[in-house]
All heavy atoms as atom14 arrays in JSON, in Angstrom:
{
  "sequence": "SIIALSVFTYYFIDLRNIVFAVASVGLLGAVSVFFFFNVF",
  "atom14_mask": [
    [1, 1, 1, 1, 1, 1, 0, 0, 0, 0, 0, 0, 0, 0],
    [1, 1, 1, 1, 1, 1, 1, 1, 0, 0, 0, 0, 0, 0],
    [1, 1, 1, 1, 1, 1, 1, 1, 0, 0, 0, 0, 0, 0],
    [1, 1, 1, 1, 1, 0, 0, 0, 0, 0, 0, 0, 0, 0],
    [1, 1, 1, 1, 1, 1, 1, 1, 0, 0, 0, 0, 0, 0],
    [1, 1, 1, 1, 1, 1, 0, 0, 0, 0, 0, 0, 0, 0],
    [1, 1, 1, 1, 1, 1, 1, 0, 0, 0, 0, 0, 0, 0],
    [1, 1, 1, 1, 1, 1, 1, 1, 1, 1, 1, 0, 0, 0],
    [1, 1, 1, 1, 1, 1, 1, 0, 0, 0, 0, 0, 0, 0],
    [1, 1, 1, 1, 1, 1, 1, 1, 1, 1, 1, 1, 0, 0],
    [1, 1, 1, 1, 1, 1, 1, 1, 1, 1, 1, 1, 0, 0],
    [1, 1, 1, 1, 1, 1, 1, 1, 1, 1, 1, 0, 0, 0],
    [1, 1, 1, 1, 1, 1, 1, 1, 0, 0, 0, 0, 0, 0],
    [1, 1, 1, 1, 1, 1, 1, 1, 0, 0, 0, 0, 0, 0],
    [1, 1, 1, 1, 1, 1, 1, 1, 0, 0, 0, 0, 0, 0],
    [1, 1, 1, 1, 1, 1, 1, 1, 1, 1, 1, 0, 0, 0],
    [1, 1, 1, 1, 1, 1, 1, 1, 0, 0, 0, 0, 0, 0],
    [1, 1, 1, 1, 1, 1, 1, 1, 0, 0, 0, 0, 0, 0],
    [1, 1, 1, 1, 1, 1, 1, 0, 0, 0, 0, 0, 0, 0],
    [1, 1, 1, 1, 1, 1, 1, 1, 1, 1, 1, 0, 0, 0],
    [1, 1, 1, 1, 1, 0, 0, 0, 0, 0, 0, 0, 0, 0],
    [1, 1, 1, 1, 1, 1, 1, 0, 0, 0, 0, 0, 0, 0],
    [1, 1, 1, 1, 1, 0, 0, 0, 0, 0, 0, 0, 0, 0],
    [1, 1, 1, 1, 1, 1, 0, 0, 0, 0, 0, 0, 0, 0],
    [1, 1, 1, 1, 1, 1, 1, 0, 0, 0, 0, 0, 0, 0],
    [1, 1, 1, 1, 0, 0, 0, 0, 0, 0, 0, 0, 0, 0],
    [1, 1, 1, 1, 1, 1, 1, 1, 0, 0, 0, 0, 0, 0],
    [1, 1, 1, 1, 1, 1, 1, 1, 0, 0, 0, 0, 0, 0],
    [1, 1, 1, 1, 0, 0, 0, 0, 0, 0, 0, 0, 0, 0],
    [1, 1, 1, 1, 1, 0, 0, 0, 0, 0, 0, 0, 0, 0],
    [1, 1, 1, 1, 1, 1, 1, 0, 0, 0, 0, 0, 0, 0],
    [1, 1, 1, 1, 1, 1, 0, 0, 0, 0, 0, 0, 0, 0],
    [1, 1, 1, 1, 1, 1, 1, 0, 0, 0, 0, 0, 0, 0],
    [1, 1, 1, 1, 1, 1, 1, 1, 1, 1, 1, 0, 0, 0],
    [1, 1, 1, 1, 1, 1, 1, 1, 1, 1, 1, 0, 0, 0],
    [1, 1, 1, 1, 1, 1, 1, 1, 1, 1, 1, 0, 0, 0],
    [1, 1, 1, 1, 1, 1, 1, 1, 1, 1, 1, 0, 0, 0],
    [1, 1, 1, 1, 1, 1, 1, 1, 0, 0, 0, 0, 0, 0],
    [1, 1, 1, 1, 1, 1, 1, 0, 0, 0, 0, 0, 0, 0],
    [1, 1, 1, 1, 1, 1, 1, 1, 1, 1, 1, 0, 0, 0]
  ],
  "atom14_positions": [
    [[186.08, -8.92, 275.67], [186.28, -8.08, 276.86], [185.07, -7.19, 277.12], [184.7, -6.95, 278.28], [187.53, -7.22, 276.68], [188.69, -8.02, 276.54], [0.0, 0.0, 0.0], [0.0, 0.0, 0.0], [0.0, 0.0, 0.0], [0.0, 0.0, 0.0], [0.0, 0.0, 0.0], [0.0, 0.0, 0.0], [0.0, 0.0, 0.0], [0.0, 0.0, 0.0]],
    [[184.44, -6.67, 276.06], [183.24, -5.85, 276.23], [182.13, -6.66, 276.89], [181.44, -6.17, 277.81], [182.78, -5.28, 274.87], [183.74, -4.17, 274.42], [181.36, -4.76, 274.93], [183.52, -3.71, 272.99], [0.0, 0.0, 0.0], [0.0, 0.0, 0.0], [0.0, 0.0, 0.0], [0.0, 0.0, 0.0], [0.0, 0.0, 0.0], [0.0, 0.0, 0.0]],
    [[181.95, -7.89, 276.44], [180.93, -8.75, 277.06], [181.26, -8.99, 278.52], [180.41, -8.84, 279.41], [180.84, -10.1, 276.31], [180.31, -9.87, 274.89], [179.94, -11.08, 277.06], [180.37, -11.11, 274.01], [0.0, 0.0, 0.0], [0.0, 0.0, 0.0], [0.0, 0.0, 0.0], [0.0, 0.0, 0.0], [0.0, 0.0, 0.0], [0.0, 0.0, 0.0]],
    [[182.52, -9.34, 278.8], [182.93, -9.65, 280.18], [182.8, -8.43, 281.09], [182.28, -8.54, 282.21], [184.37, -10.18, 280.19], [0.0, 0.0, 0.0], [0.0, 0.0, 0.0], [0.0, 0.0, 0.0], [0.0, 0.0, 0.0], [0.0, 0.0, 0.0], [0.0, 0.0, 0.0], [0.0, 0.0, 0.0], [0.0, 0.0, 0.0], [0.0, 0.0, 0.0]],
    [[183.25, -7.27, 280.62], [183.18, -6.06, 281.44], [181.74, -5.63, 281.69], [181.4, -5.14, 282.77], [183.97, -4.94, 280.78], [185.49, -5.12, 280.77], [186.15, -4.16, 279.8], [186.07, -4.95, 282.18], [0.0, 0.0, 0.0], [0.0, 0.0, 0.0], [0.0, 0.0, 0.0], [0.0, 0.0, 0.0], [0.0, 0.0, 0.0], [0.0, 0.0, 0.0]],
    [[180.87, -5.82, 280.7], [179.46, -5.49, 280.89], [178.84, -6.38, 281.97], [178.09, -5.91, 282.83], [178.7, -5.68, 279.57], [179.2, -4.84, 278.55], [0.0, 0.0, 0.0], [0.0, 0.0, 0.0], [0.0, 0.0, 0.0], [0.0, 0.0, 0.0], [0.0, 0.0, 0.0], [0.0, 0.0, 0.0], [0.0, 0.0, 0.0], [0.0, 0.0, 0.0]],
    [[179.17, -7.67, 281.92], [178.64, -8.62, 282.9], [179.18, -8.31, 284.29], [178.42, -8.29, 285.28], [178.99, -10.06, 282.49], [178.61, -11.05, 283.6], [178.25, -10.43, 281.2], [0.0, 0.0, 0.0], [0.0, 0.0, 0.0], [0.0, 0.0, 0.0], [0.0, 0.0, 0.0], [0.0, 0.0, 0.0], [0.0, 0.0, 0.0], [0.0, 0.0, 0.0]],
    [[180.47, -8.03, 284.4], [181.03, -7.7, 285.71], [180.45, -6.4, 286.26], [180.22, -6.28, 287.47], [182.56, -7.61, 285.63], [183.24, -8.93, 285.62], [184.24, -9.21, 284.69], [182.92, -9.91, 286.55], [184.87, -10.44, 284.68], [183.55, -11.15, 286.55], [184.52, -11.41, 285.61], [0.0, 0.0, 0.0], [0.0, 0.0, 0.0], [0.0, 0.0, 0.0]],
    [[180.22, -5.42, 285.39], [179.58, -4.18, 285.84], [178.22, -4.48, 286.48], [177.92, -4.0, 287.58], [179.4, -3.21, 284.66], [180.69, -2.87, 284.13], [178.71, -1.93, 285.11], [0.0, 0.0, 0.0], [0.0, 0.0, 0.0], [0.0, 0.0, 0.0], [0.0, 0.0, 0.0], [0.0, 0.0, 0.0], [0.0, 0.0, 0.0], [0.0, 0.0, 0.0]],
    [[177.42, -5.28, 285.79], [176.09, -5.63, 286.31], [176.19, -6.34, 287.65], [175.48, -5.98, 288.61], [175.36, -6.5, 285.29], [174.08, -7.09, 285.84], [172.91, -6.34, 285.87], [174.05, -8.39, 286.35], [171.73, -6.88, 286.39], [172.89, -8.93, 286.87], [171.73, -8.17, 286.89], [170.58, -8.7, 287.42], [0.0, 0.0, 0.0], [0.0, 0.0, 0.0]],
    [[177.06, -7.34, 287.73], [177.11, -8.15, 288.95], [177.74, -7.4, 290.12], [177.32, -7.58, 291.27], [177.84, -9.47, 288.69], [176.94, -10.49, 288.06], [177.01, -10.78, 286.7], [175.97, -11.16, 288.81], [176.17, -11.71, 286.11], [175.12, -12.09, 288.23], [175.22, -12.36, 286.89], [174.36, -13.27, 286.31], [0.0, 0.0, 0.0], [0.0, 0.0, 0.0]],
    [[178.72, -6.54, 289.87], [179.28, -5.75, 290.97], [178.27, -4.73, 291.48], [178.22, -4.45, 292.68], [180.57, -5.06, 290.55], [181.78, -5.96, 290.61], [182.58, -6.17, 289.49], [182.13, -6.6, 291.79], [183.69, -7.0, 289.55], [183.24, -7.43, 291.86], [184.02, -7.64, 290.73], [0.0, 0.0, 0.0], [0.0, 0.0, 0.0], [0.0, 0.0, 0.0]],
    [[177.45, -4.18, 290.58], [176.36, -3.31, 291.04], [175.38, -4.11, 291.88], [174.91, -3.67, 292.94], [175.67, -2.64, 289.84], [176.6, -1.62, 289.18], [174.37, -1.96, 290.28], [176.07, -1.03, 287.89], [0.0, 0.0, 0.0], [0.0, 0.0, 0.0], [0.0, 0.0, 0.0], [0.0, 0.0, 0.0], [0.0, 0.0, 0.0], [0.0, 0.0, 0.0]],
    [[175.05, -5.31, 291.39], [174.11, -6.17, 292.12], [174.65, -6.55, 293.5], [173.89, -6.7, 294.46], [173.84, -7.43, 291.3], [172.76, -8.3, 291.91], [171.65, -7.79, 292.13], [173.03, -9.49, 292.2], [0.0, 0.0, 0.0], [0.0, 0.0, 0.0], [0.0, 0.0, 0.0], [0.0, 0.0, 0.0], [0.0, 0.0, 0.0], [0.0, 0.0, 0.0]],
    [[175.98, -6.68, 293.6], [176.62, -7.01, 294.87], [176.91, -5.77, 295.71], [177.55, -5.88, 296.77], [177.92, -7.78, 294.61], [177.76, -9.19, 294.04], [179.09, -9.71, 293.52], [177.2, -10.14, 295.09], [0.0, 0.0, 0.0], [0.0, 0.0, 0.0], [0.0, 0.0, 0.0], [0.0, 0.0, 0.0], [0.0, 0.0, 0.0], [0.0, 0.0, 0.0]],
    [[176.49, -4.59, 295.21], [176.66, -3.32, 295.92], [178.13, -2.98, 296.16], [178.51, -2.47, 297.21], [175.89, -3.36, 297.26], [174.39, -3.55, 297.09], [173.71, -3.99, 298.34], [174.21, -5.26, 298.81], [173.87, -6.44, 298.29], [173.02, -6.5, 297.28], [174.37, -7.57, 298.77], [0.0, 0.0, 0.0], [0.0, 0.0, 0.0], [0.0, 0.0, 0.0]],
    [[178.95, -3.28, 295.18], [180.38, -2.99, 295.26], [180.71, -1.9, 294.25], [181.03, -2.18, 293.09], [181.19, -4.27, 294.99], [182.64, -4.11, 295.38], [183.29, -3.15, 294.98], [183.17, -5.04, 296.17], [0.0, 0.0, 0.0], [0.0, 0.0, 0.0], [0.0, 0.0, 0.0], [0.0, 0.0, 0.0], [0.0, 0.0, 0.0], [0.0, 0.0, 0.0]],
    [[180.64, -0.64, 294.68], [180.76, 0.49, 293.78], [182.15, 0.61, 293.18], [182.32, 0.97, 292.0], [180.38, 1.81, 294.5], [180.39, 2.99, 293.53], [181.3, 2.09, 295.67], [179.34, 2.91, 292.46], [0.0, 0.0, 0.0], [0.0, 0.0, 0.0], [0.0, 0.0, 0.0], [0.0, 0.0, 0.0], [0.0, 0.0, 0.0], [0.0, 0.0, 0.0]],
    [[183.19, 0.27, 293.95], [184.57, 0.45, 293.47], [184.83, -0.4, 292.23], [185.33, 0.09, 291.21], [185.58, 0.12, 294.58], [187.0, 0.09, 294.02], [185.49, 1.15, 295.7], [0.0, 0.0, 0.0], [0.0, 0.0, 0.0], [0.0, 0.0, 0.0], [0.0, 0.0, 0.0], [0.0, 0.0, 0.0], [0.0, 0.0, 0.0], [0.0, 0.0, 0.0]],
    [[184.46, -1.66, 292.29], [184.77, -2.55, 291.17], [183.77, -2.41, 290.03], [184.1, -2.72, 288.88], [184.87, -4.0, 291.67], [186.04, -4.19, 292.58], [185.87, -4.26, 293.95], [187.32, -4.24, 292.08], [186.96, -4.4, 294.8], [188.42, -4.37, 292.91], [188.24, -4.45, 294.28], [0.0, 0.0, 0.0], [0.0, 0.0, 0.0], [0.0, 0.0, 0.0]],
    [[182.56, -1.93, 290.34], [181.63, -1.59, 289.26], [182.18, -0.42, 288.45], [182.13, -0.43, 287.21], [180.26, -1.24, 289.85], [0.0, 0.0, 0.0], [0.0, 0.0, 0.0], [0.0, 0.0, 0.0], [0.0, 0.0, 0.0], [0.0, 0.0, 0.0], [0.0, 0.0, 0.0], [0.0, 0.0, 0.0], [0.0, 0.0, 0.0], [0.0, 0.0, 0.0]],
    [[182.74, 0.57, 289.14], [183.33, 1.73, 288.45], [184.54, 1.3, 287.62], [184.72, 1.75, 286.47], [183.72, 2.81, 289.47], [184.61, 3.87, 288.83], [182.47, 3.47, 290.05], [0.0, 0.0, 0.0], [0.0, 0.0, 0.0], [0.0, 0.0, 0.0], [0.0, 0.0, 0.0], [0.0, 0.0, 0.0], [0.0, 0.0, 0.0], [0.0, 0.0, 0.0]],
    [[185.39, 0.44, 288.17], [186.55, -0.04, 287.43], [186.12, -0.78, 286.16], [186.69, -0.58, 285.08], [187.4, -0.94, 288.32], [0.0, 0.0, 0.0], [0.0, 0.0, 0.0], [0.0, 0.0, 0.0], [0.0, 0.0, 0.0], [0.0, 0.0, 0.0], [0.0, 0.0, 0.0], [0.0, 0.0, 0.0], [0.0, 0.0, 0.0], [0.0, 0.0, 0.0]],
    [[185.1, -1.62, 286.3], [184.63, -2.41, 285.16], [184.06, -1.52, 284.06], [184.4, -1.66, 282.87], [183.57, -3.41, 285.61], [184.08, -4.31, 286.57], [0.0, 0.0, 0.0], [0.0, 0.0, 0.0], [0.0, 0.0, 0.0], [0.0, 0.0, 0.0], [0.0, 0.0, 0.0], [0.0, 0.0, 0.0], [0.0, 0.0, 0.0], [0.0, 0.0, 0.0]],
    [[183.21, -0.57, 284.44], [182.54, 0.24, 283.43], [183.48, 1.29, 282.85], [183.34, 1.69, 281.69], [181.27, 0.88, 284.01], [181.58, 2.09, 284.87], [180.29, 1.25, 282.9], [0.0, 0.0, 0.0], [0.0, 0.0, 0.0], [0.0, 0.0, 0.0], [0.0, 0.0, 0.0], [0.0, 0.0, 0.0], [0.0, 0.0, 0.0], [0.0, 0.0, 0.0]],
    [[184.47, 1.74, 283.62], [185.45, 2.68, 283.08], [186.29, 2.05, 281.97], [186.49, 2.64, 280.9], [0.0, 0.0, 0.0], [0.0, 0.0, 0.0], [0.0, 0.0, 0.0], [0.0, 0.0, 0.0], [0.0, 0.0, 0.0], [0.0, 0.0, 0.0], [0.0, 0.0, 0.0], [0.0, 0.0, 0.0], [0.0, 0.0, 0.0], [0.0, 0.0, 0.0]],
    [[186.75, 0.82, 282.22], [187.5, 0.11, 281.18], [186.59, -0.26, 280.02], [187.03, -0.26, 278.87], [188.14, -1.15, 281.78], [189.07, -1.94, 280.85], [190.18, -1.06, 280.29], [189.66, -3.15, 281.57], [0.0, 0.0, 0.0], [0.0, 0.0, 0.0], [0.0, 0.0, 0.0], [0.0, 0.0, 0.0], [0.0, 0.0, 0.0], [0.0, 0.0, 0.0]],
    [[185.33, -0.54, 280.32], [184.36, -0.84, 279.26], [184.24, 0.33, 278.29], [184.18, 0.13, 277.06], [183.0, -1.16, 279.88], [181.83, -1.37, 278.92], [182.08, -2.55, 278.0], [180.54, -1.57, 279.71], [0.0, 0.0, 0.0], [0.0, 0.0, 0.0], [0.0, 0.0, 0.0], [0.0, 0.0, 0.0], [0.0, 0.0, 0.0], [0.0, 0.0, 0.0]],
    [[184.2, 1.56, 278.81], [184.14, 2.73, 277.93], [185.33, 2.82, 277.02], [185.2, 3.09, 275.81], [0.0, 0.0, 0.0], [0.0, 0.0, 0.0], [0.0, 0.0, 0.0], [0.0, 0.0, 0.0], [0.0, 0.0, 0.0], [0.0, 0.0, 0.0], [0.0, 0.0, 0.0], [0.0, 0.0, 0.0], [0.0, 0.0, 0.0], [0.0, 0.0, 0.0]],
    [[186.52, 2.57, 277.57], [187.75, 2.65, 276.77], [187.77, 1.58, 275.68], [188.09, 1.86, 274.52], [188.97, 2.5, 277.68], [0.0, 0.0, 0.0], [0.0, 0.0, 0.0], [0.0, 0.0, 0.0], [0.0, 0.0, 0.0], [0.0, 0.0, 0.0], [0.0, 0.0, 0.0], [0.0, 0.0, 0.0], [0.0, 0.0, 0.0], [0.0, 0.0, 0.0]],
    [[187.41, 0.35, 276.04], [187.47, -0.76, 275.08], [186.4, -0.6, 274.0], [186.62, -0.95, 272.85], [187.33, -2.11, 275.81], [187.36, -3.26, 274.81], [188.45, -2.29, 276.83], [0.0, 0.0, 0.0], [0.0, 0.0, 0.0], [0.0, 0.0, 0.0], [0.0, 0.0, 0.0], [0.0, 0.0, 0.0], [0.0, 0.0, 0.0], [0.0, 0.0, 0.0]],
    [[185.24, -0.06, 274.37], [184.17, 0.14, 273.39], [184.6, 1.09, 272.28], [184.33, 0.84, 271.09], [182.92, 0.68, 274.09], [182.43, -0.22, 275.05], [0.0, 0.0, 0.0], [0.0, 0.0, 0.0], [0.0, 0.0, 0.0], [0.0, 0.0, 0.0], [0.0, 0.0, 0.0], [0.0, 0.0, 0.0], [0.0, 0.0, 0.0], [0.0, 0.0, 0.0]],
    [[185.27, 2.18, 272.64], [185.74, 3.13, 271.64], [186.83, 2.5, 270.77], [186.84, 2.65, 269.54], [186.27, 4.42, 272.31], [186.98, 5.31, 271.29], [185.11, 5.17, 272.96], [0.0, 0.0, 0.0], [0.0, 0.0, 0.0], [0.0, 0.0, 0.0], [0.0, 0.0, 0.0], [0.0, 0.0, 0.0], [0.0, 0.0, 0.0], [0.0, 0.0, 0.0]],
    [[187.75, 1.76, 271.4], [188.78, 1.07, 270.61], [188.14, 0.1, 269.62], [188.59, -0.01, 268.47], [189.75, 0.3, 271.52], [190.62, -0.65, 270.75], [191.75, -0.2, 270.1], [190.28, -1.99, 270.63], [192.53, -1.06, 269.34], [191.05, -2.87, 269.89], [192.18, -2.4, 269.23], [0.0, 0.0, 0.0], [0.0, 0.0, 0.0], [0.0, 0.0, 0.0]],
    [[187.12, -0.63, 270.06], [186.43, -1.59, 269.19], [185.94, -0.91, 267.92], [186.07, -1.46, 266.82], [185.25, -2.21, 269.96], [184.49, -3.25, 269.19], [184.87, -4.58, 269.22], [183.37, -2.9, 268.44], [184.16, -5.55, 268.51], [182.65, -3.85, 267.73], [183.05, -5.18, 267.78], [0.0, 0.0, 0.0], [0.0, 0.0, 0.0], [0.0, 0.0, 0.0]],
    [[185.41, 0.3, 268.06], [184.92, 1.04, 266.89], [186.08, 1.34, 265.93], [185.96, 1.13, 264.72], [184.25, 2.34, 267.34], [183.76, 3.19, 266.2], [182.55, 2.93, 265.6], [184.54, 4.24, 265.73], [182.1, 3.72, 264.54], [184.1, 5.02, 264.68], [182.88, 4.76, 264.09], [0.0, 0.0, 0.0], [0.0, 0.0, 0.0], [0.0, 0.0, 0.0]],
    [[187.19, 1.86, 266.45], [188.35, 2.16, 265.59], [188.9, 0.89, 264.94], [189.27, 0.9, 263.77], [189.45, 2.82, 266.41], [189.23, 4.28, 266.68], [188.78, 4.71, 267.91], [189.48, 5.24, 265.71], [188.57, 6.06, 268.18], [189.28, 6.59, 265.95], [188.81, 7.0, 267.2], [0.0, 0.0, 0.0], [0.0, 0.0, 0.0], [0.0, 0.0, 0.0]],
    [[188.97, -0.19, 265.71], [189.57, -1.43, 265.23], [188.73, -2.11, 264.15], [189.25, -2.58, 263.14], [189.77, -2.37, 266.42], [190.43, -3.68, 266.06], [190.01, -4.74, 266.5], [191.47, -3.64, 265.24], [0.0, 0.0, 0.0], [0.0, 0.0, 0.0], [0.0, 0.0, 0.0], [0.0, 0.0, 0.0], [0.0, 0.0, 0.0], [0.0, 0.0, 0.0]],
    [[187.42, -2.15, 264.37], [186.54, -2.89, 263.45], [186.08, -2.03, 262.28], [186.02, -2.51, 261.14], [185.31, -3.44, 264.23], [184.34, -4.13, 263.28], [185.76, -4.42, 265.3], [0.0, 0.0, 0.0], [0.0, 0.0, 0.0], [0.0, 0.0, 0.0], [0.0, 0.0, 0.0], [0.0, 0.0, 0.0], [0.0, 0.0, 0.0], [0.0, 0.0, 0.0]],
    [[185.77, -0.77, 262.53], [185.16, 0.07, 261.49], [186.09, 1.15, 260.94], [185.72, 1.85, 259.99], [183.89, 0.72, 262.04], [182.86, -0.27, 262.52], [182.63, -0.46, 263.88], [182.16, -1.05, 261.61], [181.7, -1.37, 264.32], [181.22, -1.98, 262.04], [180.99, -2.15, 263.41], [0.0, 0.0, 0.0], [0.0, 0.0, 0.0], [0.0, 0.0, 0.0]]
  ]
}
């Protein structure tokens, strides 16, 4: 999910779609922190 959300963030920014770029990167922040708790 981190890989997918990072890619979607990049492409939505490239497509000048701020709403879905924000949605992608907001969830990316949440999942990144969970990844740390889950793995480490």
